[in-house]
Amino acid sequence: MNKNEYKPRIIDKKIEEYLKIFGAICIEGPKWCGKTWTSLFHSNSDIMLGNPAGNFQNKKLAEISPDIVLEGATPRLIDE
């Protein structure tokens, strides 16, 4: 993601506020509304569990060892 191409959204300030208060936040909404793009903008690392690469190896890794999925710079995006 090129953060320079990100178009600011109304929710951005609330996400920044919540990230300062809570250890994690959940962003929900319909498909193709920009949840992942917005989340990537606010994160310093990510893992995509729904990535079909390696026969969904990230999802399998999360099932076997959830602590490995949490490793990375914070805030960390864990995308389904």
PDB file of N, CA and C in Angstrom:
ATOM      1  N   MET A   1       0.844  -1.186   0.000  1.00  0.00           N
ATOM      2  CA  MET A   1       0.000   0.000   0.000  1.00  0.00           C
ATOM      3  C   MET A   1       0.886   1.245   0.000  1.00  0.00           C
ATOM      4  N   ASN A   2       0.580   2.168  -0.862  1.00  0.00           N
ATOM      5  CA  ASN A   2       1.253   3.455  -0.874  1.00  0.00           C
ATOM      6  C   ASN A   2       0.396   4.429  -0.053  1.00  0.00           C
ATOM      7  N   LYS A   3       0.856   4.764   1.133  1.00  0.00           N
ATOM      8  CA  LYS A   3       0.066   5.612   2.029  1.00  0.00           C
ATOM      9  C   LYS A   3      -0.189   6.998   1.447  1.00  0.00           C
ATOM     10  N   ASN A   4       0.600   7.418   0.458  1.00  0.00           N
ATOM     11  CA  ASN A   4       0.363   8.712  -0.189  1.00  0.00           C
ATOM     12  C   ASN A   4      -0.891   8.698  -1.057  1.00  0.00           C
ATOM     13  N   GLU A   5      -1.331   7.505  -1.473  1.00  0.00           N
ATOM     14  CA  GLU A   5      -2.523   7.381  -2.312  1.00  0.00           C
ATOM     15  C   GLU A   5      -3.802   7.239  -1.489  1.00  0.00           C
ATOM     16  N   TYR A   6      -3.677   7.143  -0.189  1.00  0.00           N
ATOM     17  CA  TYR A   6      -4.840   6.951   0.682  1.00  0.00           C
ATOM     18  C   TYR A   6      -5.725   8.189   0.685  1.00  0.00           C
ATOM     19  N   LYS A   7      -7.022   7.999   0.515  1.00  0.00           N
ATOM     20  CA  LYS A   7      -8.000   9.074   0.587  1.00  0.00           C
ATOM     21  C   LYS A   7      -8.587   9.088   1.999  1.00  0.00           C
ATOM     22  N   PRO A   8      -8.425  10.188   2.730  1.00  0.00           N
ATOM     23  CA  PRO A   8      -8.933  10.249   4.111  1.00  0.00           C
ATOM     24  C   PRO A   8     -10.430   9.943   4.181  1.00  0.00           C
ATOM     25  N   ARG A   9     -10.803   9.294   5.282  1.00  0.00           N
ATOM     26  CA  ARG A   9     -12.189   8.918   5.511  1.00  0.00           C
ATOM     27  C   ARG A   9     -12.668   9.519   6.822  1.00  0.00           C
ATOM     28  N   ILE A  10     -13.964   9.610   6.970  1.00  0.00           N
ATOM     29  CA  ILE A  10     -14.577  10.173   8.175  1.00  0.00           C
ATOM     30  C   ILE A  10     -14.148   9.396   9.415  1.00  0.00           C
ATOM     31  N   ILE A  11     -13.977   8.093   9.296  1.00  0.00           N
ATOM     32  CA  ILE A  11     -13.686   7.219  10.432  1.00  0.00           C
ATOM     33  C   ILE A  11     -12.240   7.323  10.926  1.00  0.00           C
ATOM     34  N   ASP A  12     -11.348   7.917  10.164  1.00  0.00           N
ATOM     35  CA  ASP A  12      -9.918   7.946  10.509  1.00  0.00           C
ATOM     36  C   ASP A  12      -9.630   8.503  11.899  1.00  0.00           C
ATOM     37  N   LYS A  13     -10.227   9.617  12.246  1.00  0.00           N
ATOM     38  CA  LYS A  13      -9.956  10.225  13.558  1.00  0.00           C
ATOM     39  C   LYS A  13     -10.417   9.320  14.696  1.00  0.00           C
ATOM     40  N   LYS A  14     -11.534   8.633  14.500  1.00  0.00           N
ATOM     41  CA  LYS A  14     -12.047   7.724  15.535  1.00  0.00           C
ATOM     42  C   LYS A  14     -11.116   6.526  15.673  1.00  0.00           C
ATOM     43  N   ILE A  15     -10.608   6.010  14.574  1.00  0.00           N
ATOM     44  CA  ILE A  15      -9.658   4.893  14.627  1.00  0.00           C
ATOM     45  C   ILE A  15      -8.402   5.312  15.383  1.00  0.00           C
ATOM     46  N   GLU A  16      -7.863   6.480  15.063  1.00  0.00           N
ATOM     47  CA  GLU A  16      -6.672   6.979  15.767  1.00  0.00           C
ATOM     48  C   GLU A  16      -6.932   7.123  17.259  1.00  0.00           C
ATOM     49  N   GLU A  17      -8.089   7.635  17.613  1.00  0.00           N
ATOM     50  CA  GLU A  17      -8.461   7.796  19.033  1.00  0.00           C
ATOM     51  C   GLU A  17      -8.541   6.439  19.723  1.00  0.00           C
ATOM     52  N   TYR A  18      -9.229   5.488  19.111  1.00  0.00           N
ATOM     53  CA  TYR A  18      -9.394   4.169  19.721  1.00  0.00           C
ATOM     54  C   TYR A  18      -8.075   3.411  19.835  1.00  0.00           C
ATOM     55  N   LEU A  19      -7.184   3.564  18.855  1.00  0.00           N
ATOM     56  CA  LEU A  19      -5.896   2.886  18.922  1.00  0.00           C
ATOM     57  C   LEU A  19      -5.046   3.398  20.080  1.00  0.00           C
ATOM     58  N   LYS A  20      -5.263   4.638  20.485  1.00  0.00           N
ATOM     59  CA  LYS A  20      -4.543   5.187  21.640  1.00  0.00           C
ATOM     60  C   LYS A  20      -5.110   4.659  22.957  1.00  0.00           C
ATOM     61  N   ILE A  21      -6.379   4.255  22.956  1.00  0.00           N
ATOM     62  CA  ILE A  21      -7.062   3.832  24.178  1.00  0.00           C
ATOM     63  C   ILE A  21      -7.039   2.307  24.367  1.00  0.00           C
ATOM     64  N   PHE A  22      -7.336   1.572  23.313  1.00  0.00           N
ATOM     65  CA  PHE A  22      -7.514   0.121  23.396  1.00  0.00           C
ATOM     66  C   PHE A  22      -6.332  -0.627  22.783  1.00  0.00           C
ATOM     67  N   GLY A  23      -6.166  -1.872  23.156  1.00  0.00           N
ATOM     68  CA  GLY A  23      -5.115  -2.706  22.586  1.00  0.00           C
ATOM     69  C   GLY A  23      -5.450  -3.224  21.207  1.00  0.00           C
ATOM     70  N   ALA A  24      -6.741  -3.223  20.868  1.00  0.00           N
ATOM     71  CA  ALA A  24      -7.174  -3.708  19.559  1.00  0.00           C
ATOM     72  C   ALA A  24      -8.535  -3.106  19.237  1.00  0.00           C
ATOM     73  N   ILE A  25      -8.799  -2.975  17.957  1.00  0.00           N
ATOM     74  CA  ILE A  25     -10.130  -2.550  17.519  1.00  0.00           C
ATOM     75  C   ILE A  25     -10.572  -3.456  16.387  1.00  0.00           C
ATOM     76  N   CYS A  26     -11.880  -3.578  16.225  1.00  0.00           N
ATOM     77  CA  CYS A  26     -12.463  -4.402  15.169  1.00  0.00           C
ATOM     78  C   CYS A  26     -13.190  -3.473  14.197  1.00  0.00           C
ATOM     79  N   ILE A  27     -12.840  -3.557  12.937  1.00  0.00           N
ATOM     80  CA  ILE A  27     -13.491  -2.745  11.912  1.00  0.00           C
ATOM     81  C   ILE A  27     -14.362  -3.675  11.080  1.00  0.00           C
ATOM     82  N   GLU A  28     -15.665  -3.408  11.088  1.00  0.00           N
ATOM     83  CA  GLU A  28     -16.620  -4.250  10.375  1.00  0.00           C
ATOM     84  C   GLU A  28     -17.382  -3.424   9.356  1.00  0.00           C
ATOM     85  N   GLY A  29     -17.878  -4.085   8.320  1.00  0.00           N
ATOM     86  CA  GLY A  29     -18.672  -3.416   7.303  1.00  0.00           C
ATOM     87  C   GLY A  29     -18.874  -4.335   6.118  1.00  0.00           C
ATOM     88  N   PRO A  30     -19.630  -3.863   5.121  1.00  0.00           N
ATOM     89  CA  PRO A  30     -19.893  -4.686   3.936  1.00  0.00           C
ATOM     90  C   PRO A  30     -18.628  -4.868   3.099  1.00  0.00           C
ATOM     91  N   LYS A  31     -18.674  -5.851   2.213  1.00  0.00           N
ATOM     92  CA  LYS A  31     -17.542  -6.084   1.311  1.00  0.00           C
ATOM     93  C   LYS A  31     -17.291  -4.857   0.447  1.00  0.00           C
ATOM     94  N   TRP A  32     -16.023  -4.638   0.136  1.00  0.00           N
ATOM     95  CA  TRP A  32     -15.583  -3.611  -0.805  1.00  0.00           C
ATOM     96  C   TRP A  32     -15.903  -2.183  -0.350  1.00  0.00           C
ATOM     97  N   CYS A  33     -15.957  -1.939   0.964  1.00  0.00           N
ATOM     98  CA  CYS A  33     -16.230  -0.576   1.446  1.00  0.00           C
ATOM     99  C   CYS A  33     -14.959   0.128   1.916  1.00  0.00           C
ATOM    100  N   GLY A  34     -13.800  -0.558   1.883  1.00  0.00           N
ATOM    101  CA  GLY A  34     -12.539   0.078   2.236  1.00  0.00           C
ATOM    102  C   GLY A  34     -11.998  -0.293   3.600  1.00  0.00           C
ATOM    103  N   LYS A  35     -12.528  -1.333   4.233  1.00  0.00           N
ATOM    104  CA  LYS A  35     -12.062  -1.737   5.569  1.00  0.00           C
ATOM    105  C   LYS A  35     -10.576  -2.089   5.570  1.00  0.00           C
ATOM    106  N   THR A  36     -10.145  -2.903   4.639  1.00  0.00           N
ATOM    107  CA  THR A  36      -8.744  -3.333   4.600  1.00  0.00           C
ATOM    108  C   THR A  36      -7.837  -2.160   4.262  1.00  0.00           C
ATOM    109  N   TRP A  37      -8.207  -1.354   3.285  1.00  0.00           N
ATOM    110  CA  TRP A  37      -7.390  -0.209   2.883  1.00  0.00           C
ATOM    111  C   TRP A  37      -7.222   0.758   4.054  1.00  0.00           C
ATOM    112  N   THR A  38      -8.321   1.048   4.752  1.00  0.00           N
ATOM    113  CA  THR A  38      -8.267   1.938   5.919  1.00  0.00           C
ATOM    114  C   THR A  38      -7.416   1.319   7.020  1.00  0.00           C
ATOM    115  N   SER A  39      -7.591   0.040   7.264  1.00  0.00           N
ATOM    116  CA  SER A  39      -6.833  -0.647   8.306  1.00  0.00           C
ATOM    117  C   SER A  39      -5.343  -0.671   7.983  1.00  0.00           C
ATOM    118  N   LEU A  40      -4.996  -0.907   6.729  1.00  0.00           N
ATOM    119  CA  LEU A  40      -3.593  -0.888   6.323  1.00  0.00           C
ATOM    120  C   LEU A  40      -2.972   0.486   6.546  1.00  0.00           C
ATOM    121  N   PHE A  41      -3.739   1.535   6.302  1.00  0.00           N
ATOM    122  CA  PHE A  41      -3.237   2.893   6.495  1.00  0.00           C
ATOM    123  C   PHE A  41      -2.851   3.139   7.951  1.00  0.00           C
ATOM    124  N   HIS A  42      -3.621   2.567   8.875  1.00  0.00           N
ATOM    125  CA  HIS A  42      -3.403   2.807  10.301  1.00  0.00           C
ATOM    126  C   HIS A  42      -2.499   1.762  10.962  1.00  0.00           C
ATOM    127  N   SER A  43      -2.022   0.776  10.208  1.00  0.00           N
ATOM    128  CA  SER A  43      -1.208  -0.287  10.799  1.00  0.00           C
ATOM    129  C   SER A  43       0.259  -0.156  10.426  1.00  0.00           C
ATOM    130  N   ASN A  44       1.102  -0.793  11.230  1.00  0.00           N
ATOM    131  CA  ASN A  44       2.537  -0.840  10.955  1.00  0.00           C
ATOM    132  C   ASN A  44       2.986  -2.210  10.476  1.00  0.00           C
ATOM    133  N   SER A  45       2.125  -3.202  10.573  1.00  0.00           N
ATOM    134  CA  SER A  45       2.409  -4.535  10.052  1.00  0.00           C
ATOM    135  C   SER A  45       1.070  -5.224   9.805  1.00  0.00           C
ATOM    136  N   ASP A  46       1.104  -6.285   9.034  1.00  0.00           N
ATOM    137  CA  ASP A  46      -0.159  -6.963   8.730  1.00  0.00           C
ATOM    138  C   ASP A  46       0.069  -8.430   8.404  1.00  0.00           C
ATOM    139  N   ILE A  47      -1.011  -9.179   8.530  1.00  0.00           N
ATOM    140  CA  ILE A  47      -1.064 -10.560   8.058  1.00  0.00           C
ATOM    141  C   ILE A  47      -2.455 -10.755   7.466  1.00  0.00           C
ATOM    142  N   MET A  48      -2.495 -11.335   6.280  1.00  0.00           N
ATOM    143  CA  MET A  48      -3.751 -11.558   5.572  1.00  0.00           C
ATOM    144  C   MET A  48      -4.106 -13.037   5.663  1.00  0.00           C
ATOM    145  N   LEU A  49      -5.059 -13.368   6.518  1.00  0.00           N
ATOM    146  CA  LEU A  49      -5.427 -14.768   6.723  1.00  0.00           C
ATOM    147  C   LEU A  49      -6.138 -15.359   5.513  1.00  0.00           C
ATOM    148  N   GLY A  50      -6.828 -14.528   4.743  1.00  0.00           N
ATOM    149  CA  GLY A  50      -7.562 -15.009   3.576  1.00  0.00           C
ATOM    150  C   GLY A  50      -6.739 -15.077   2.306  1.00  0.00           C
ATOM    151  N   ASN A  51      -5.442 -14.835   2.412  1.00  0.00           N
ATOM    152  CA  ASN A  51      -4.570 -14.896   1.243  1.00  0.00           C
ATOM    153  C   ASN A  51      -4.457 -16.352   0.778  1.00  0.00           C
ATOM    154  N   PRO A  52      -4.831 -16.654  -0.475  1.00  0.00           N
ATOM    155  CA  PRO A  52      -4.799 -18.038  -0.942  1.00  0.00           C
ATOM    156  C   PRO A  52      -3.392 -18.588  -1.190  1.00  0.00           C
ATOM    157  N   ALA A  53      -2.362 -17.754  -1.052  1.00  0.00           N
ATOM    158  CA  ALA A  53      -0.991 -18.219  -1.288  1.00  0.00           C
ATOM    159  C   ALA A  53      -0.644 -19.398  -0.374  1.00  0.00           C
ATOM    160  N   GLY A  54       0.035 -20.358  -0.947  1.00  0.00           N
ATOM    161  CA  GLY A  54       0.459 -21.519  -0.162  1.00  0.00           C
ATOM    162  C   GLY A  54      -0.711 -22.291   0.424  1.00  0.00           C
ATOM    163  N   ASN A  55      -1.820 -22.344  -0.330  1.00  0.00           N
ATOM    164  CA  ASN A  55      -3.010 -23.062   0.133  1.00  0.00           C
ATOM    165  C   ASN A  55      -3.492 -22.514   1.484  1.00  0.00           C
ATOM    166  N   PHE A  56      -3.576 -21.180   1.559  1.00  0.00           N
ATOM    167  CA  PHE A  56      -4.038 -20.468   2.760  1.00  0.00           C
ATOM    168  C   PHE A  56      -3.156 -20.767   3.974  1.00  0.00           C
ATOM    169  N   GLN A  57      -1.845 -20.721   3.761  1.00  0.00           N
ATOM    170  CA  GLN A  57      -0.899 -21.058   4.826  1.00  0.00           C
ATOM    171  C   GLN A  57      -1.015 -20.123   6.027  1.00  0.00           C
ATOM    172  N   ASN A  58      -1.361 -18.835   5.830  1.00  0.00           N
ATOM    173  CA  ASN A  58      -1.491 -17.918   6.970  1.00  0.00           C
ATOM    174  C   ASN A  58      -2.640 -18.331   7.883  1.00  0.00           C
ATOM    175  N   LYS A  59      -3.741 -18.754   7.280  1.00  0.00           N
ATOM    176  CA  LYS A  59      -4.889 -19.198   8.081  1.00  0.00           C
ATOM    177  C   LYS A  59      -4.531 -20.471   8.860  1.00  0.00           C
ATOM    178  N   LYS A  60      -3.856 -21.382   8.206  1.00  0.00           N
ATOM    179  CA  LYS A  60      -3.450 -22.616   8.876  1.00  0.00           C
ATOM    180  C   LYS A  60      -2.473 -22.313  10.018  1.00  0.00           C
ATOM    181  N   LEU A  61      -1.560 -21.381   9.778  1.00  0.00           N
ATOM    182  CA  LEU A  61      -0.604 -20.982  10.812  1.00  0.00           C
ATOM    183  C   LEU A  61      -1.334 -20.402  12.021  1.00  0.00           C
ATOM    184  N   ALA A  62      -2.353 -19.582  11.770  1.00  0.00           N
ATOM    185  CA  ALA A  62      -3.127 -18.981  12.863  1.00  0.00           C
ATOM    186  C   ALA A  62      -3.841 -20.051  13.689  1.00  0.00           C
ATOM    187  N   GLU A  63      -4.316 -21.096  13.032  1.00  0.00           N
ATOM    188  CA  GLU A  63      -5.002 -22.181  13.740  1.00  0.00           C
ATOM    189  C   GLU A  63      -4.023 -22.984  14.592  1.00  0.00           C
ATOM    190  N   ILE A  64      -2.831 -23.200  14.078  1.00  0.00           N
ATOM    191  CA  ILE A  64      -1.822 -24.000  14.780  1.00  0.00           C
ATOM    192  C   ILE A  64      -1.170 -23.214  15.911  1.00  0.00           C
ATOM    193  N   SER A  65      -0.795 -21.950  15.632  1.00  0.00           N
ATOM    194  CA  SER A  65      -0.053 -21.156  16.601  1.00  0.00           C
ATOM    195  C   SER A  65      -0.473 -19.680  16.530  1.00  0.00           C
ATOM    196  N   PRO A  66      -1.552 -19.313  17.211  1.00  0.00           N
ATOM    197  CA  PRO A  66      -2.051 -17.933  17.153  1.00  0.00           C
ATOM    198  C   PRO A  66      -1.023 -16.887  17.582  1.00  0.00           C
ATOM    199  N   ASP A  67      -0.120 -17.236  18.479  1.00  0.00           N
ATOM    200  CA  ASP A  67       0.857 -16.253  18.959  1.00  0.00           C
ATOM    201  C   ASP A  67       1.796 -15.785  17.841  1.00  0.00           C
ATOM    202  N   ILE A  68       2.084 -16.634  16.868  1.00  0.00           N
ATOM    203  CA  ILE A  68       2.944 -16.246  15.751  1.00  0.00           C
ATOM    204  C   ILE A  68       2.253 -15.185  14.889  1.00  0.00           C
ATOM    205  N   VAL A  69       0.953 -15.311  14.731  1.00  0.00           N
ATOM    206  CA  VAL A  69       0.190 -14.351  13.934  1.00  0.00           C
ATOM    207  C   VAL A  69       0.223 -12.964  14.574  1.00  0.00           C
ATOM    208  N   LEU A  70       0.358 -12.908  15.876  1.00  0.00           N
ATOM    209  CA  LEU A  70       0.367 -11.629  16.585  1.00  0.00           C
ATOM    210  C   LEU A  70       1.729 -10.937  16.553  1.00  0.00           C
ATOM    211  N   GLU A  71       2.767 -11.650  16.109  1.00  0.00           N
ATOM    212  CA  GLU A  71       4.112 -11.065  16.058  1.00  0.00           C
ATOM    213  C   GLU A  71       4.197 -10.048  14.928  1.00  0.00           C
ATOM    214  N   GLY A  72       4.738  -8.886  15.249  1.00  0.00           N
ATOM    215  CA  GLY A  72       4.912  -7.834  14.253  1.00  0.00           C
ATOM    216  C   GLY A  72       4.748  -6.477  14.908  1.00  0.00           C
ATOM    217  N   ALA A  73       5.114  -5.446  14.170  1.00  0.00           N
ATOM    218  CA  ALA A  73       5.007  -4.082  14.691  1.00  0.00           C
ATOM    219  C   ALA A  73       3.551  -3.721  14.935  1.00  0.00           C
ATOM    220  N   THR A  74       3.330  -2.971  15.992  1.00  0.00           N
ATOM    221  CA  THR A  74       1.957  -2.543  16.318  1.00  0.00           C
ATOM    222  C   THR A  74       1.734  -1.109  15.857  1.00  0.00           C
ATOM    223  N   PRO A  75       0.518  -0.761  15.553  1.00  0.00           N
ATOM    224  CA  PRO A  75      -0.654  -1.633  15.483  1.00  0.00           C
ATOM    225  C   PRO A  75      -0.526  -2.622  14.322  1.00  0.00           C
ATOM    226  N   ARG A  76      -1.016  -3.830  14.561  1.00  0.00           N
ATOM    227  CA  ARG A  76      -0.919  -4.912  13.579  1.00  0.00           C
ATOM    228  C   ARG A  76      -2.300  -5.231  13.017  1.00  0.00           C
ATOM    229  N   LEU A  77      -2.385  -5.280  11.715  1.00  0.00           N
ATOM    230  CA  LEU A  77      -3.633  -5.646  11.042  1.00  0.00           C
ATOM    231  C   LEU A  77      -3.678  -7.158  10.880  1.00  0.00           C
ATOM    232  N   ILE A  78      -4.759  -7.751  11.364  1.00  0.00           N
ATOM    233  CA  ILE A  78      -5.039  -9.166  11.110  1.00  0.00           C
ATOM    234  C   ILE A  78      -6.306  -9.182  10.290  1.00  0.00           C
ATOM    235  N   ASP A  79      -6.160  -9.427   9.005  1.00  0.00           N
ATOM    236  CA  ASP A  79      -7.291  -9.343   8.074  1.00  0.00           C
ATOM    237  C   ASP A  79      -7.761 -10.735   7.705  1.00  0.00           C
ATOM    238  N   GLU A  80      -9.073 -10.922   7.723  1.00  0.00           N
ATOM    239  CA  GLU A  80      -9.616 -12.237   7.404  1.00  0.00           C
ATOM    240  C   GLU A  80      -9.471 -12.500   5.941  1.00  0.00           C
TER     241      GLU A  80
END
